[in-house]
Amino acid sequence: MGASRFIGFSLTADRVLVVIAYRDVMGTLHLVNAWPATGHDLMLYEQEVDDDERR
């Protein structure tokens, strides 16, 4: 399917989410699934935020 995983903060949900989505042959982005980030996914997000603050 060629799906991608995105980890980011949702203002609407007020939390970090993991989102799985894919683009079809026409270029339309389709959501497959989403859930609150925990464990390793949350650690990756927090590490990236910390790295951005240091720059």
PDB file of N, CA and C in Angstrom:
ATOM      1  N   MET A   1       0.823  -1.185   0.000  1.00  0.00           N
ATOM      2  CA  MET A   1       0.000   0.000   0.000  1.00  0.00           C
ATOM      3  C   MET A   1       0.868   1.249   0.000  1.00  0.00           C
ATOM      4  N   GLY A   2       2.061   1.241   0.577  1.00  0.00           N
ATOM      5  CA  GLY A   2       2.917   2.405   0.599  1.00  0.00           C
ATOM      6  C   GLY A   2       2.480   3.467   1.589  1.00  0.00           C
ATOM      7  N   ALA A   3       1.943   3.062   2.710  1.00  0.00           N
ATOM      8  CA  ALA A   3       1.488   4.016   3.723  1.00  0.00           C
ATOM      9  C   ALA A   3       2.675   4.610   4.470  1.00  0.00           C
ATOM     10  N   SER A   4       2.466   5.799   5.032  1.00  0.00           N
ATOM     11  CA  SER A   4       3.478   6.489   5.821  1.00  0.00           C
ATOM     12  C   SER A   4       2.948   6.765   7.216  1.00  0.00           C
ATOM     13  N   ARG A   5       3.880   6.836   8.168  1.00  0.00           N
ATOM     14  CA  ARG A   5       3.517   7.124   9.557  1.00  0.00           C
ATOM     15  C   ARG A   5       3.986   8.535   9.883  1.00  0.00           C
ATOM     16  N   PHE A   6       3.104   9.315  10.485  1.00  0.00           N
ATOM     17  CA  PHE A   6       3.420  10.670  10.905  1.00  0.00           C
ATOM     18  C   PHE A   6       3.191  10.762  12.401  1.00  0.00           C
ATOM     19  N   ILE A   7       4.086  11.443  13.094  1.00  0.00           N
ATOM     20  CA  ILE A   7       3.942  11.667  14.531  1.00  0.00           C
ATOM     21  C   ILE A   7       3.968  13.171  14.738  1.00  0.00           C
ATOM     22  N   GLY A   8       2.932  13.709  15.382  1.00  0.00           N
ATOM     23  CA  GLY A   8       2.892  15.148  15.593  1.00  0.00           C
ATOM     24  C   GLY A   8       1.851  15.544  16.611  1.00  0.00           C
ATOM     25  N   PHE A   9       1.940  16.803  17.027  1.00  0.00           N
ATOM     26  CA  PHE A   9       1.008  17.317  18.028  1.00  0.00           C
ATOM     27  C   PHE A   9      -0.265  17.794  17.356  1.00  0.00           C
ATOM     28  N   SER A  10      -1.400  17.378  17.886  1.00  0.00           N
ATOM     29  CA  SER A  10      -2.704  17.808  17.400  1.00  0.00           C
ATOM     30  C   SER A  10      -3.278  18.844  18.361  1.00  0.00           C
ATOM     31  N   LEU A  11      -3.504  20.061  17.858  1.00  0.00           N
ATOM     32  CA  LEU A  11      -4.125  21.091  18.695  1.00  0.00           C
ATOM     33  C   LEU A  11      -5.545  20.698  19.069  1.00  0.00           C
ATOM     34  N   THR A  12      -6.260  20.069  18.142  1.00  0.00           N
ATOM     35  CA  THR A  12      -7.642  19.666  18.400  1.00  0.00           C
ATOM     36  C   THR A  12      -7.717  18.602  19.491  1.00  0.00           C
ATOM     37  N   ALA A  13      -6.856  17.590  19.409  1.00  0.00           N
ATOM     38  CA  ALA A  13      -6.854  16.517  20.406  1.00  0.00           C
ATOM     39  C   ALA A  13      -6.053  16.894  21.650  1.00  0.00           C
ATOM     40  N   ASP A  14      -5.229  17.953  21.547  1.00  0.00           N
ATOM     41  CA  ASP A  14      -4.357  18.402  22.638  1.00  0.00           C
ATOM     42  C   ASP A  14      -3.426  17.298  23.113  1.00  0.00           C
ATOM     43  N   ARG A  15      -2.887  16.552  22.135  1.00  0.00           N
ATOM     44  CA  ARG A  15      -1.936  15.482  22.453  1.00  0.00           C
ATOM     45  C   ARG A  15      -1.156  15.110  21.201  1.00  0.00           C
ATOM     46  N   VAL A  16      -0.107  14.326  21.400  1.00  0.00           N
ATOM     47  CA  VAL A  16       0.696  13.829  20.284  1.00  0.00           C
ATOM     48  C   VAL A  16      -0.014  12.611  19.698  1.00  0.00           C
ATOM     49  N   LEU A  17      -0.152  12.593  18.372  1.00  0.00           N
ATOM     50  CA  LEU A  17      -0.816  11.484  17.688  1.00  0.00           C
ATOM     51  C   LEU A  17       0.127  10.802  16.703  1.00  0.00           C
ATOM     52  N   VAL A  18      -0.142   9.534  16.465  1.00  0.00           N
ATOM     53  CA  VAL A  18       0.477   8.777  15.383  1.00  0.00           C
ATOM     54  C   VAL A  18      -0.604   8.624  14.314  1.00  0.00           C
ATOM     55  N   VAL A  19      -0.277   9.009  13.090  1.00  0.00           N
ATOM     56  CA  VAL A  19      -1.245   8.951  11.987  1.00  0.00           C
ATOM     57  C   VAL A  19      -0.646   8.113  10.864  1.00  0.00           C
ATOM     58  N   ILE A  20      -1.413   7.166  10.357  1.00  0.00           N
ATOM     59  CA  ILE A  20      -1.025   6.369   9.200  1.00  0.00           C
ATOM     60  C   ILE A  20      -1.873   6.831   8.024  1.00  0.00           C
ATOM     61  N   ALA A  21      -1.194   7.178   6.919  1.00  0.00           N
ATOM     62  CA  ALA A  21      -1.902   7.685   5.738  1.00  0.00           C
ATOM     63  C   ALA A  21      -1.165   7.239   4.479  1.00  0.00           C
ATOM     64  N   TYR A  22      -1.863   7.315   3.349  1.00  0.00           N
ATOM     65  CA  TYR A  22      -1.228   7.014   2.060  1.00  0.00           C
ATOM     66  C   TYR A  22      -1.810   7.913   0.977  1.00  0.00           C
ATOM     67  N   ARG A  23      -1.035   8.111  -0.083  1.00  0.00           N
ATOM     68  CA  ARG A  23      -1.500   8.864  -1.256  1.00  0.00           C
ATOM     69  C   ARG A  23      -1.877   7.888  -2.354  1.00  0.00           C
ATOM     70  N   ASP A  24      -3.050   8.098  -2.932  1.00  0.00           N
ATOM     71  CA  ASP A  24      -3.455   7.245  -4.046  1.00  0.00           C
ATOM     72  C   ASP A  24      -2.792   7.751  -5.336  1.00  0.00           C
ATOM     73  N   VAL A  25      -3.044   7.073  -6.433  1.00  0.00           N
ATOM     74  CA  VAL A  25      -2.394   7.421  -7.704  1.00  0.00           C
ATOM     75  C   VAL A  25      -2.791   8.813  -8.200  1.00  0.00           C
ATOM     76  N   MET A  26      -3.886   9.348  -7.715  1.00  0.00           N
ATOM     77  CA  MET A  26      -4.328  10.693  -8.091  1.00  0.00           C
ATOM     78  C   MET A  26      -3.716  11.767  -7.175  1.00  0.00           C
ATOM     79  N   GLY A  27      -2.997  11.331  -6.136  1.00  0.00           N
ATOM     80  CA  GLY A  27      -2.344  12.270  -5.226  1.00  0.00           C
ATOM     81  C   GLY A  27      -3.150  12.646  -4.009  1.00  0.00           C
ATOM     82  N   THR A  28      -4.322  12.053  -3.853  1.00  0.00           N
ATOM     83  CA  THR A  28      -5.166  12.351  -2.695  1.00  0.00           C
ATOM     84  C   THR A  28      -4.643  11.614  -1.466  1.00  0.00           C
ATOM     85  N   LEU A  29      -4.527  12.331  -0.357  1.00  0.00           N
ATOM     86  CA  LEU A  29      -4.060  11.743   0.896  1.00  0.00           C
ATOM     87  C   LEU A  29      -5.240  11.114   1.627  1.00  0.00           C
ATOM     88  N   HIS A  30      -5.082   9.845   2.035  1.00  0.00           N
ATOM     89  CA  HIS A  30      -6.142   9.115   2.750  1.00  0.00           C
ATOM     90  C   HIS A  30      -5.646   8.704   4.128  1.00  0.00           C
ATOM     91  N   LEU A  31      -6.453   9.008   5.141  1.00  0.00           N
ATOM     92  CA  LEU A  31      -6.157   8.564   6.496  1.00  0.00           C
ATOM     93  C   LEU A  31      -6.489   7.084   6.613  1.00  0.00           C
ATOM     94  N   VAL A  32      -5.556   6.318   7.175  1.00  0.00           N
ATOM     95  CA  VAL A  32      -5.796   4.898   7.414  1.00  0.00           C
ATOM     96  C   VAL A  32      -6.205   4.679   8.865  1.00  0.00           C
ATOM     97  N   ASN A  33      -5.446   5.285   9.786  1.00  0.00           N
ATOM     98  CA  ASN A  33      -5.718   5.106  11.211  1.00  0.00           C
ATOM     99  C   ASN A  33      -4.962   6.178  11.983  1.00  0.00           C
ATOM    100  N   ALA A  34      -5.354   6.420  13.218  1.00  0.00           N
ATOM    101  CA  ALA A  34      -4.661   7.355  14.101  1.00  0.00           C
ATOM    102  C   ALA A  34      -4.906   6.952  15.542  1.00  0.00           C
ATOM    103  N   TRP A  35      -3.922   7.234  16.404  1.00  0.00           N
ATOM    104  CA  TRP A  35      -4.052   6.909  17.821  1.00  0.00           C
ATOM    105  C   TRP A  35      -3.109   7.798  18.621  1.00  0.00           C
ATOM    106  N   PRO A  36      -3.356   7.942  19.938  1.00  0.00           N
ATOM    107  CA  PRO A  36      -2.448   8.723  20.783  1.00  0.00           C
ATOM    108  C   PRO A  36      -1.070   8.066  20.827  1.00  0.00           C
ATOM    109  N   ALA A  37      -0.035   8.877  20.710  1.00  0.00           N
ATOM    110  CA  ALA A  37       1.338   8.368  20.752  1.00  0.00           C
ATOM    111  C   ALA A  37       1.701   7.943  22.170  1.00  0.00           C
ATOM    112  N   THR A  38       2.358   6.799  22.273  1.00  0.00           N
ATOM    113  CA  THR A  38       2.861   6.303  23.549  1.00  0.00           C
ATOM    114  C   THR A  38       4.228   5.680  23.304  1.00  0.00           C
ATOM    115  N   GLY A  39       4.908   5.338  24.367  1.00  0.00           N
ATOM    116  CA  GLY A  39       6.152   4.585  24.271  1.00  0.00           C
ATOM    117  C   GLY A  39       7.163   5.200  23.320  1.00  0.00           C
ATOM    118  N   HIS A  40       7.673   4.381  22.406  1.00  0.00           N
ATOM    119  CA  HIS A  40       8.740   4.780  21.488  1.00  0.00           C
ATOM    120  C   HIS A  40       8.315   5.937  20.580  1.00  0.00           C
ATOM    121  N   ASP A  41       7.081   5.913  20.093  1.00  0.00           N
ATOM    122  CA  ASP A  41       6.607   6.994  19.219  1.00  0.00           C
ATOM    123  C   ASP A  41       6.623   8.336  19.950  1.00  0.00           C
ATOM    124  N   LEU A  42       6.170   8.360  21.182  1.00  0.00           N
ATOM    125  CA  LEU A  42       6.158   9.589  21.966  1.00  0.00           C
ATOM    126  C   LEU A  42       7.587  10.046  22.258  1.00  0.00           C
ATOM    127  N   MET A  43       8.482   9.111  22.542  1.00  0.00           N
ATOM    128  CA  MET A  43       9.882   9.442  22.793  1.00  0.00           C
ATOM    129  C   MET A  43      10.513  10.081  21.551  1.00  0.00           C
ATOM    130  N   LEU A  44      10.225   9.517  20.356  1.00  0.00           N
ATOM    131  CA  LEU A  44      10.758  10.089  19.114  1.00  0.00           C
ATOM    132  C   LEU A  44      10.284  11.519  18.923  1.00  0.00           C
ATOM    133  N   TYR A  45       9.015  11.778  19.175  1.00  0.00           N
ATOM    134  CA  TYR A  45       8.460  13.119  19.029  1.00  0.00           C
ATOM    135  C   TYR A  45       9.124  14.082  20.014  1.00  0.00           C
ATOM    136  N   GLU A  46       9.217  13.684  21.276  1.00  0.00           N
ATOM    137  CA  GLU A  46       9.805  14.553  22.292  1.00  0.00           C
ATOM    138  C   GLU A  46      11.272  14.829  22.001  1.00  0.00           C
ATOM    139  N   GLN A  47      11.986  13.844  21.491  1.00  0.00           N
ATOM    140  CA  GLN A  47      13.392  14.026  21.134  1.00  0.00           C
ATOM    141  C   GLN A  47      13.518  15.044  19.998  1.00  0.00           C
ATOM    142  N   GLU A  48      12.666  14.966  19.011  1.00  0.00           N
ATOM    143  CA  GLU A  48      12.694  15.907  17.887  1.00  0.00           C
ATOM    144  C   GLU A  48      12.370  17.320  18.362  1.00  0.00           C
ATOM    145  N   VAL A  49      11.400  17.466  19.247  1.00  0.00           N
ATOM    146  CA  VAL A  49      11.048  18.783  19.786  1.00  0.00           C
ATOM    147  C   VAL A  49      12.236  19.347  20.542  1.00  0.00           C
ATOM    148  N   ASP A  50      12.899  18.542  21.372  1.00  0.00           N
ATOM    149  CA  ASP A  50      14.072  18.998  22.119  1.00  0.00           C
ATOM    150  C   ASP A  50      15.177  19.427  21.166  1.00  0.00           C
ATOM    151  N   ASP A  51      15.421  18.660  20.089  1.00  0.00           N
ATOM    152  CA  ASP A  51      16.468  19.006  19.123  1.00  0.00           C
ATOM    153  C   ASP A  51      16.154  20.336  18.447  1.00  0.00           C
ATOM    154  N   ASP A  52      14.894  20.580  18.106  1.00  0.00           N
ATOM    155  CA  ASP A  52      14.493  21.839  17.462  1.00  0.00           C
ATOM    156  C   ASP A  52      14.696  23.025  18.399  1.00  0.00           C
ATOM    157  N   GLU A  53      14.466  22.839  19.701  1.00  0.00           N
ATOM    158  CA  GLU A  53      14.623  23.933  20.663  1.00  0.00           C
ATOM    159  C   GLU A  53      16.084  24.301  20.844  1.00  0.00           C
ATOM    160  N   ARG A  54      17.005  23.373  20.629  1.00  0.00           N
ATOM    161  CA  ARG A  54      18.428  23.621  20.802  1.00  0.00           C
ATOM    162  C   ARG A  54      19.025  24.402  19.637  1.00  0.00           C
ATOM    163  N   ARG A  55      18.344  24.420  18.497  1.00  0.00           N
ATOM    164  CA  ARG A  55      18.894  25.088  17.304  1.00  0.00           C
ATOM    165  C   ARG A  55      18.741  26.580  17.394  1.00  0.00           C
TER     166      ARG A  55
END
